[in-house]
Amino acid sequence: MKKTIFLAWGAAALVACSLASAQAPVAPPPADTEGLSKGEAKAIREFKMLDFNGDGKLSRTEVKLFPRLANAFDEADTDHDGFVSYEEVRAFAAKYRAERDRAKQQQAPAAPAPAASAP
């Protein structure tokens, strides 16, 4: 009896491992990335790398490897479906960059006014 239960658990574990490894491989970035900037092409590759199951969206579990997005998941998930699409990531990144640039401009000292020349 114990041997039968052990074999059943072993078979179940083997099937579970096979199903986990049978996930479809992540597709390479689309061929039309030629017209994109290096940053945009890199963003597509990174999105696909994080999208472990290849469903075209990121879950909370998938973004754990990217702390900035994991910490702001709810903010990035603008349609509140529990996932973050590539478009939502792009919008979040643009907002983050704009806030960062604004903070840099506020920290930068004002340039001195050019001296007026005497006539």
N, C-alpha and C. Protein backbone atom coordinates (compact mmCIF):
# COMPACT_ATOMS: atom_id res chain seq x y z
N MET A 1 0.82 -1.19 0.00
CA MET A 1 0.00 0.00 0.00
C MET A 1 0.86 1.26 0.00
N LYS A 2 1.88 1.30 0.89
CA LYS A 2 2.75 2.47 0.95
C LYS A 2 3.51 2.64 -0.36
N LYS A 3 3.90 1.50 -0.95
CA LYS A 3 4.64 1.56 -2.22
C LYS A 3 3.75 2.15 -3.32
N THR A 4 2.48 1.78 -3.34
CA THR A 4 1.55 2.30 -4.34
C THR A 4 1.36 3.80 -4.19
N ILE A 5 1.19 4.26 -2.94
CA ILE A 5 1.02 5.70 -2.69
C ILE A 5 2.28 6.45 -3.10
N PHE A 6 3.44 5.90 -2.75
CA PHE A 6 4.71 6.53 -3.10
C PHE A 6 4.85 6.65 -4.62
N LEU A 7 4.51 5.57 -5.34
CA LEU A 7 4.59 5.59 -6.81
C LEU A 7 3.60 6.60 -7.40
N ALA A 8 2.41 6.69 -6.80
CA ALA A 8 1.42 7.65 -7.31
C ALA A 8 1.92 9.08 -7.12
N TRP A 9 2.49 9.38 -5.95
CA TRP A 9 3.04 10.72 -5.72
C TRP A 9 4.21 11.00 -6.65
N GLY A 10 5.05 10.00 -6.86
CA GLY A 10 6.18 10.17 -7.77
C GLY A 10 5.72 10.46 -9.19
N ALA A 11 4.69 9.73 -9.64
CA ALA A 11 4.16 9.96 -10.99
C ALA A 11 3.54 11.35 -11.10
N ALA A 12 2.82 11.76 -10.05
CA ALA A 12 2.22 13.10 -10.07
C ALA A 12 3.29 14.18 -10.12
N ALA A 13 4.36 14.00 -9.36
CA ALA A 13 5.45 14.98 -9.37
C ALA A 13 6.11 15.03 -10.74
N LEU A 14 6.29 13.87 -11.37
CA LEU A 14 6.90 13.81 -12.69
C LEU A 14 6.04 14.53 -13.73
N VAL A 15 4.73 14.32 -13.67
CA VAL A 15 3.82 14.98 -14.60
C VAL A 15 3.84 16.49 -14.37
N ALA A 16 3.85 16.90 -13.11
CA ALA A 16 3.88 18.34 -12.80
C ALA A 16 5.15 18.98 -13.34
N CYS A 17 6.28 18.31 -13.17
CA CYS A 17 7.55 18.84 -13.69
C CYS A 17 7.53 18.92 -15.21
N SER A 18 6.96 17.90 -15.87
CA SER A 18 6.91 17.92 -17.33
C SER A 18 6.04 19.06 -17.82
N LEU A 19 4.91 19.29 -17.16
CA LEU A 19 4.04 20.38 -17.58
C LEU A 19 4.70 21.73 -17.38
N ALA A 20 5.43 21.88 -16.28
CA ALA A 20 6.10 23.15 -16.01
C ALA A 20 7.17 23.42 -17.05
N SER A 21 7.89 22.39 -17.48
CA SER A 21 8.96 22.60 -18.46
C SER A 21 8.43 22.67 -19.89
N ALA A 22 7.16 22.35 -20.10
CA ALA A 22 6.60 22.34 -21.45
C ALA A 22 6.05 23.70 -21.86
N GLN A 23 6.33 24.74 -21.10
CA GLN A 23 5.85 26.07 -21.48
C GLN A 23 6.48 26.49 -22.79
N ALA A 24 5.72 27.25 -23.55
CA ALA A 24 6.22 27.74 -24.83
C ALA A 24 7.39 28.68 -24.60
N PRO A 25 8.43 28.59 -25.43
CA PRO A 25 9.56 29.51 -25.27
C PRO A 25 9.14 30.94 -25.57
N VAL A 26 9.81 31.87 -24.95
CA VAL A 26 9.52 33.28 -25.18
C VAL A 26 9.98 33.64 -26.58
N ALA A 27 9.09 34.25 -27.32
CA ALA A 27 9.42 34.63 -28.70
C ALA A 27 10.42 35.78 -28.70
N PRO A 28 11.26 35.84 -29.72
CA PRO A 28 12.20 36.97 -29.83
C PRO A 28 11.43 38.26 -30.11
N PRO A 29 12.07 39.41 -29.91
CA PRO A 29 11.38 40.67 -30.22
C PRO A 29 10.90 40.67 -31.66
N PRO A 30 9.80 41.36 -31.94
CA PRO A 30 9.29 41.39 -33.30
C PRO A 30 10.32 41.92 -34.28
N ALA A 31 10.20 41.49 -35.52
CA ALA A 31 11.17 41.89 -36.54
C ALA A 31 11.11 43.38 -36.83
N ASP A 32 9.98 44.01 -36.53
CA ASP A 32 9.86 45.43 -36.84
C ASP A 32 10.53 46.34 -35.81
N THR A 33 11.40 45.79 -34.98
CA THR A 33 12.13 46.62 -34.00
C THR A 33 13.24 47.42 -34.67
N GLU A 34 13.45 47.21 -35.97
CA GLU A 34 14.52 47.93 -36.67
C GLU A 34 14.33 49.44 -36.60
N GLY A 35 13.10 49.91 -36.63
CA GLY A 35 12.84 51.34 -36.59
C GLY A 35 12.80 51.91 -35.18
N LEU A 36 12.95 51.05 -34.18
CA LEU A 36 12.87 51.51 -32.80
C LEU A 36 14.23 51.95 -32.28
N SER A 37 14.20 52.76 -31.25
CA SER A 37 15.45 53.17 -30.61
C SER A 37 16.04 51.97 -29.87
N LYS A 38 17.31 52.07 -29.50
CA LYS A 38 17.95 51.00 -28.74
C LYS A 38 17.23 50.78 -27.42
N GLY A 39 16.80 51.87 -26.80
CA GLY A 39 16.09 51.77 -25.53
C GLY A 39 14.77 51.03 -25.66
N GLU A 40 14.02 51.33 -26.72
CA GLU A 40 12.73 50.67 -26.94
C GLU A 40 12.93 49.19 -27.25
N ALA A 41 13.91 48.86 -28.08
CA ALA A 41 14.19 47.45 -28.38
C ALA A 41 14.60 46.71 -27.12
N LYS A 42 15.40 47.36 -26.28
CA LYS A 42 15.82 46.75 -25.01
C LYS A 42 14.61 46.53 -24.11
N ALA A 43 13.70 47.50 -24.07
CA ALA A 43 12.50 47.38 -23.24
C ALA A 43 11.64 46.20 -23.68
N ILE A 44 11.52 46.00 -24.99
CA ILE A 44 10.75 44.86 -25.51
C ILE A 44 11.39 43.56 -25.08
N ARG A 45 12.72 43.47 -25.23
CA ARG A 45 13.42 42.24 -24.82
C ARG A 45 13.24 41.97 -23.33
N GLU A 46 13.37 43.01 -22.51
CA GLU A 46 13.23 42.83 -21.07
C GLU A 46 11.80 42.45 -20.69
N PHE A 47 10.82 43.03 -21.35
CA PHE A 47 9.43 42.67 -21.08
C PHE A 47 9.22 41.19 -21.38
N LYS A 48 9.70 40.75 -22.53
CA LYS A 48 9.53 39.35 -22.91
C LYS A 48 10.30 38.42 -21.98
N MET A 49 11.44 38.89 -21.48
CA MET A 49 12.21 38.08 -20.54
C MET A 49 11.43 37.89 -19.23
N LEU A 50 10.77 38.94 -18.77
CA LEU A 50 9.99 38.86 -17.54
C LEU A 50 8.68 38.09 -17.72
N ASP A 51 8.16 38.07 -18.94
CA ASP A 51 6.90 37.39 -19.23
C ASP A 51 7.16 35.89 -19.36
N PHE A 52 7.35 35.23 -18.21
CA PHE A 52 7.75 33.82 -18.18
C PHE A 52 6.80 32.91 -18.94
N ASN A 53 5.50 33.14 -18.84
CA ASN A 53 4.56 32.24 -19.50
C ASN A 53 4.20 32.68 -20.92
N GLY A 54 4.74 33.79 -21.38
CA GLY A 54 4.55 34.22 -22.76
C GLY A 54 3.14 34.66 -23.11
N ASP A 55 2.36 35.10 -22.11
CA ASP A 55 0.98 35.49 -22.39
C ASP A 55 0.84 36.96 -22.78
N GLY A 56 1.96 37.68 -22.88
CA GLY A 56 1.91 39.07 -23.32
C GLY A 56 1.59 40.07 -22.23
N LYS A 57 1.54 39.62 -20.99
CA LYS A 57 1.30 40.52 -19.87
C LYS A 57 2.08 40.00 -18.67
N LEU A 58 2.32 40.89 -17.72
CA LEU A 58 3.12 40.53 -16.54
C LEU A 58 2.23 40.45 -15.31
N SER A 59 2.42 39.38 -14.55
CA SER A 59 1.70 39.23 -13.28
C SER A 59 2.58 39.76 -12.15
N ARG A 60 2.01 39.86 -10.97
CA ARG A 60 2.81 40.29 -9.81
C ARG A 60 3.99 39.36 -9.59
N THR A 61 3.78 38.07 -9.79
CA THR A 61 4.86 37.10 -9.60
C THR A 61 5.98 37.33 -10.60
N GLU A 62 5.63 37.61 -11.85
CA GLU A 62 6.65 37.80 -12.87
C GLU A 62 7.47 39.07 -12.65
N VAL A 63 6.88 40.12 -12.08
CA VAL A 63 7.63 41.36 -11.91
C VAL A 63 8.43 41.42 -10.61
N LYS A 64 8.38 40.36 -9.81
CA LYS A 64 9.17 40.35 -8.57
C LYS A 64 10.65 40.56 -8.85
N LEU A 65 11.11 40.18 -10.03
CA LEU A 65 12.52 40.33 -10.39
C LEU A 65 12.87 41.76 -10.77
N PHE A 66 11.88 42.62 -10.90
CA PHE A 66 12.10 44.01 -11.29
C PHE A 66 11.51 44.90 -10.19
N PRO A 67 12.29 45.18 -9.14
CA PRO A 67 11.77 45.85 -7.94
C PRO A 67 11.03 47.15 -8.20
N ARG A 68 11.49 47.99 -9.11
CA ARG A 68 10.83 49.27 -9.36
C ARG A 68 9.39 49.05 -9.82
N LEU A 69 9.20 48.10 -10.73
CA LEU A 69 7.85 47.82 -11.21
C LEU A 69 7.05 47.05 -10.17
N ALA A 70 7.69 46.14 -9.46
CA ALA A 70 6.98 45.38 -8.42
C ALA A 70 6.43 46.31 -7.34
N ASN A 71 7.22 47.30 -6.95
CA ASN A 71 6.78 48.24 -5.92
C ASN A 71 5.67 49.17 -6.41
N ALA A 72 5.59 49.37 -7.70
CA ALA A 72 4.58 50.28 -8.26
C ALA A 72 3.58 49.54 -9.14
N PHE A 73 3.39 48.24 -8.87
CA PHE A 73 2.53 47.42 -9.72
C PHE A 73 1.13 48.02 -9.84
N ASP A 74 0.53 48.39 -8.71
CA ASP A 74 -0.84 48.92 -8.75
C ASP A 74 -0.92 50.23 -9.53
N GLU A 75 0.12 51.04 -9.44
CA GLU A 75 0.15 52.30 -10.19
C GLU A 75 0.29 52.02 -11.69
N ALA A 76 1.11 51.03 -12.05
CA ALA A 76 1.32 50.70 -13.46
C ALA A 76 0.11 49.99 -14.07
N ASP A 77 -0.62 49.24 -13.25
CA ASP A 77 -1.79 48.48 -13.73
C ASP A 77 -2.99 49.42 -13.83
N THR A 78 -3.00 50.23 -14.87
CA THR A 78 -4.02 51.28 -14.98
C THR A 78 -5.42 50.76 -15.25
N ASP A 79 -5.55 49.57 -15.84
CA ASP A 79 -6.90 49.03 -16.07
C ASP A 79 -7.34 48.10 -14.94
N HIS A 80 -6.50 47.94 -13.93
CA HIS A 80 -6.81 47.18 -12.72
C HIS A 80 -7.28 45.75 -13.00
N ASP A 81 -6.62 45.09 -13.97
CA ASP A 81 -6.98 43.71 -14.27
C ASP A 81 -6.06 42.71 -13.57
N GLY A 82 -5.12 43.20 -12.77
CA GLY A 82 -4.21 42.31 -12.06
C GLY A 82 -2.97 41.94 -12.86
N PHE A 83 -2.84 42.51 -14.05
CA PHE A 83 -1.69 42.28 -14.91
C PHE A 83 -1.21 43.62 -15.46
N VAL A 84 0.03 43.64 -15.93
CA VAL A 84 0.57 44.85 -16.54
C VAL A 84 0.94 44.51 -17.98
N SER A 85 0.32 45.21 -18.92
CA SER A 85 0.61 45.00 -20.34
C SER A 85 1.86 45.79 -20.72
N TYR A 86 2.36 45.54 -21.93
CA TYR A 86 3.53 46.28 -22.39
C TYR A 86 3.21 47.77 -22.49
N GLU A 87 2.01 48.11 -22.95
CA GLU A 87 1.62 49.52 -23.05
C GLU A 87 1.57 50.17 -21.67
N GLU A 88 1.10 49.44 -20.67
CA GLU A 88 1.07 49.99 -19.31
C GLU A 88 2.49 50.20 -18.78
N VAL A 89 3.40 49.28 -19.11
CA VAL A 89 4.80 49.43 -18.70
C VAL A 89 5.40 50.65 -19.38
N ARG A 90 5.13 50.84 -20.67
CA ARG A 90 5.65 52.01 -21.39
C ARG A 90 5.14 53.30 -20.78
N ALA A 91 3.86 53.35 -20.47
CA ALA A 91 3.28 54.56 -19.87
C ALA A 91 3.89 54.82 -18.50
N PHE A 92 4.06 53.77 -17.71
CA PHE A 92 4.67 53.92 -16.39
C PHE A 92 6.10 54.42 -16.51
N ALA A 93 6.86 53.84 -17.45
CA ALA A 93 8.26 54.24 -17.64
C ALA A 93 8.34 55.70 -18.09
N ALA A 94 7.46 56.12 -18.98
CA ALA A 94 7.46 57.52 -19.44
C ALA A 94 7.16 58.46 -18.28
N LYS A 95 6.20 58.10 -17.45
CA LYS A 95 5.86 58.92 -16.29
C LYS A 95 7.04 58.98 -15.32
N TYR A 96 7.68 57.83 -15.09
CA TYR A 96 8.83 57.76 -14.18
C TYR A 96 9.97 58.64 -14.70
N ARG A 97 10.25 58.55 -16.01
CA ARG A 97 11.33 59.36 -16.60
C ARG A 97 11.03 60.84 -16.49
N ALA A 98 9.78 61.22 -16.74
CA ALA A 98 9.39 62.63 -16.65
C ALA A 98 9.57 63.15 -15.23
N GLU A 99 9.17 62.35 -14.24
CA GLU A 99 9.33 62.77 -12.84
C GLU A 99 10.81 62.88 -12.48
N ARG A 100 11.61 61.93 -12.97
CA ARG A 100 13.05 61.96 -12.69
C ARG A 100 13.70 63.18 -13.33
N ASP A 101 13.34 63.47 -14.58
CA ASP A 101 13.90 64.64 -15.27
C ASP A 101 13.49 65.94 -14.59
N ARG A 102 12.25 66.01 -14.15
CA ARG A 102 11.76 67.20 -13.44
C ARG A 102 12.54 67.40 -12.15
N ALA A 103 12.80 66.32 -11.42
CA ALA A 103 13.56 66.41 -10.17
C ALA A 103 14.99 66.86 -10.44
N LYS A 104 15.59 66.37 -11.53
CA LYS A 104 16.96 66.79 -11.88
C LYS A 104 17.01 68.28 -12.21
N GLN A 105 16.01 68.75 -12.94
CA GLN A 105 15.98 70.17 -13.30
C GLN A 105 15.82 71.06 -12.08
N GLN A 106 15.06 70.60 -11.11
CA GLN A 106 14.87 71.38 -9.89
C GLN A 106 16.13 71.42 -9.05
N GLN A 107 16.94 70.35 -9.12
CA GLN A 107 18.18 70.28 -8.35
C GLN A 107 19.31 71.05 -9.01
N ALA A 108 19.26 71.20 -10.31
CA ALA A 108 20.35 71.87 -11.03
C ALA A 108 20.35 73.36 -10.69
N PRO A 109 21.54 73.92 -10.44
CA PRO A 109 21.60 75.36 -10.15
C PRO A 109 21.23 76.15 -11.40
N ALA A 110 20.60 77.27 -11.18
CA ALA A 110 20.21 78.12 -12.30
C ALA A 110 21.47 78.69 -12.94
N ALA A 111 21.48 78.72 -14.24
CA ALA A 111 22.63 79.27 -14.97
C ALA A 111 22.66 80.78 -14.77
N PRO A 112 23.86 81.34 -14.56
CA PRO A 112 23.94 82.80 -14.38
C PRO A 112 23.54 83.52 -15.66
N ALA A 113 22.92 84.65 -15.49
CA ALA A 113 22.50 85.46 -16.64
C ALA A 113 23.73 86.02 -17.32
N PRO A 114 23.73 86.09 -18.65
CA PRO A 114 24.90 86.64 -19.34
C PRO A 114 25.07 88.12 -18.97
N ALA A 115 26.30 88.49 -18.84
CA ALA A 115 26.61 89.89 -18.48
C ALA A 115 26.26 90.79 -19.64
N ALA A 116 25.63 91.89 -19.34
CA ALA A 116 25.27 92.85 -20.38
C ALA A 116 26.53 93.63 -20.76
N SER A 117 26.73 93.79 -22.05
CA SER A 117 27.92 94.53 -22.49
C SER A 117 27.62 96.03 -22.51
N ALA A 118 28.59 96.79 -22.15
CA ALA A 118 28.43 98.25 -22.12
C ALA A 118 28.55 98.79 -23.53
N PRO A 119 27.71 99.79 -23.93
CA PRO A 119 27.80 100.35 -25.30
C PRO A 119 28.98 101.22 -25.48
